[in-house]
Amino acid sequence: MSAEVVVMPAPKKAHRKLARLKLTEDRVKRIPLMNPAKDTYPVPYLDTDLKGFMVIAHRESKSYYAQRDIRGKTTRVVIGRTDLIDASEARQRARKLLATMADGINPNDQRAQEEAEGFTLKDAIQAHLYERKKERSDKTVKEYEKSFNTHLSDFFTKPLKWIGEHQELIEKRHDEVTRRGADTEAIKGRGKRKRKPAPYAANGMVRAFRAVYNYARKKHPELDLPEFRITELNPEAPRDSALTLEQLPQWYAAVNSLPNPIRRDYHLFVLFTGMRRTAAAEMRWEHVDFDNRCVFVPDPKGGKKKAFYLPLSDYLVTLLESRKACKATAAAFPESPWVFPASESASGHIEEPTEKKDDFLKQFGPHALRHTYASVAQAAGLNLTDIKFLMNHRSSDVTIRYMKAMLTALRDCQQQVTNYLLGVLTAKQN
């Protein structure tokens, strides 16, 4: 005879009885904080006189709340922490909130709307450039600041949500800058200047705004920002195409004929290293290590975390030794920390390296020389990995990220590029 199976009903979940007391200042102070060892959730204490008024004890603080059903949904609104507001004032605020909620209005929605109206484009720029965990390089910050100050300063005090709901204004500004350039008369201290079309600047403005807007949209979902609408950008020609091997001897002759030896050496250094324009211009003598034949680059594109050592070939060591020993430079710039000083710049070093007075040289700025270096390095027989290390290029290749660049090996690679480049530069033209 089989035993009868008896199915016992599941035990009912025990509910903690809600504490009820008159919320006076003295009693609120005596309410204990939430005990994580005993309490799974924050502990509410309901007021006996005003329905919907309560204190909730959290792990590290206690706060006053007002709670009521709105259209069948329980809604809770925070009033303030108990150490920042007294019980009588909290009770008065609770009465007003509960009356508003009785009319079907959710104060949380009103608060979110007020916060959205208070979050301006200037706040979004501040968050994107200075407050995010991922550091922005000084160059990026300056470029963004210049773009916003030049083209969008009249939007700074506008709520970001309002701009998001009127994105046609950004498109209109893009069209205006494309056709006429910046309104210099509206920029404080600039004075009125003739406006010129600026299609590239218009594109940069949209890219900067898009980055700031999308970051705010991700960081502050409570603002409920509309999705950024794609603006049709102006077509852009490839920037600074590389010199061909046939053009290099002509370029070399033109650079060596420059009357300013500092600018001459700057161009040669950039060509023979492929360094970025700003990193080369900001080189300091304290970062040049002649003994180990390298230059430390402390703050390249990408920020300090991308700092690296650039190996020097024999030619580059000689160039820098001659630059340091130049008596004319020492006389014009005594005790200057810069490798490539300049008198016409506020920083004290070269800032505008393009040779605008030379019709041939002005076609090939520092970025073109960087492109040229990469092409020459490949022609000299270097593999892609070594070229990336020499140029401090970012890479998504997992293997490369785990490898460590060996300075001695890379110095040999740098010498290989230099030898090939010198052969091209000094070749007799047909």
Foldseek 3Di string as FASTA:
>chain_A
DDDDDDDDDDDDDDDDDAAEEADAQVVVVVDDADDVVPDVDWHWYHYPPDPQWIWTHYRPFIFIWGWDDAPNRIAIDTDGTCVVDGDVVSVVVNVVQVVCVVVRDHVVLVVLQVVQQQAFLLNLLCCLAPPDPQHAAPVRNVLLVVLCLFQPVVRGRGRLQVCLVVVVVLLVSLVCCQQWNTQQCPRPPRHGDGTDGDQPSSVSSVVSSLSSSVVCCVVCVSSVHDDDDDHDGDDDDDPFAADDLQCQLVLLVVLVPDPDVLLSLLLVVLLLQLEDPVQSQAFFPVQQDLVQQWGWRQAGRSGRVLTDIAHHEPVRSVSQVCLVVDPVCCVVDPPDRTSAADDVDPVRTDDDSQPPVDPVRNSHDSNNSSNNLLVLLVVLPDDPLLSCRSHSHDDPDPVSVPDDDDRVVSNVSSNSSVVSSVCSNPDDND
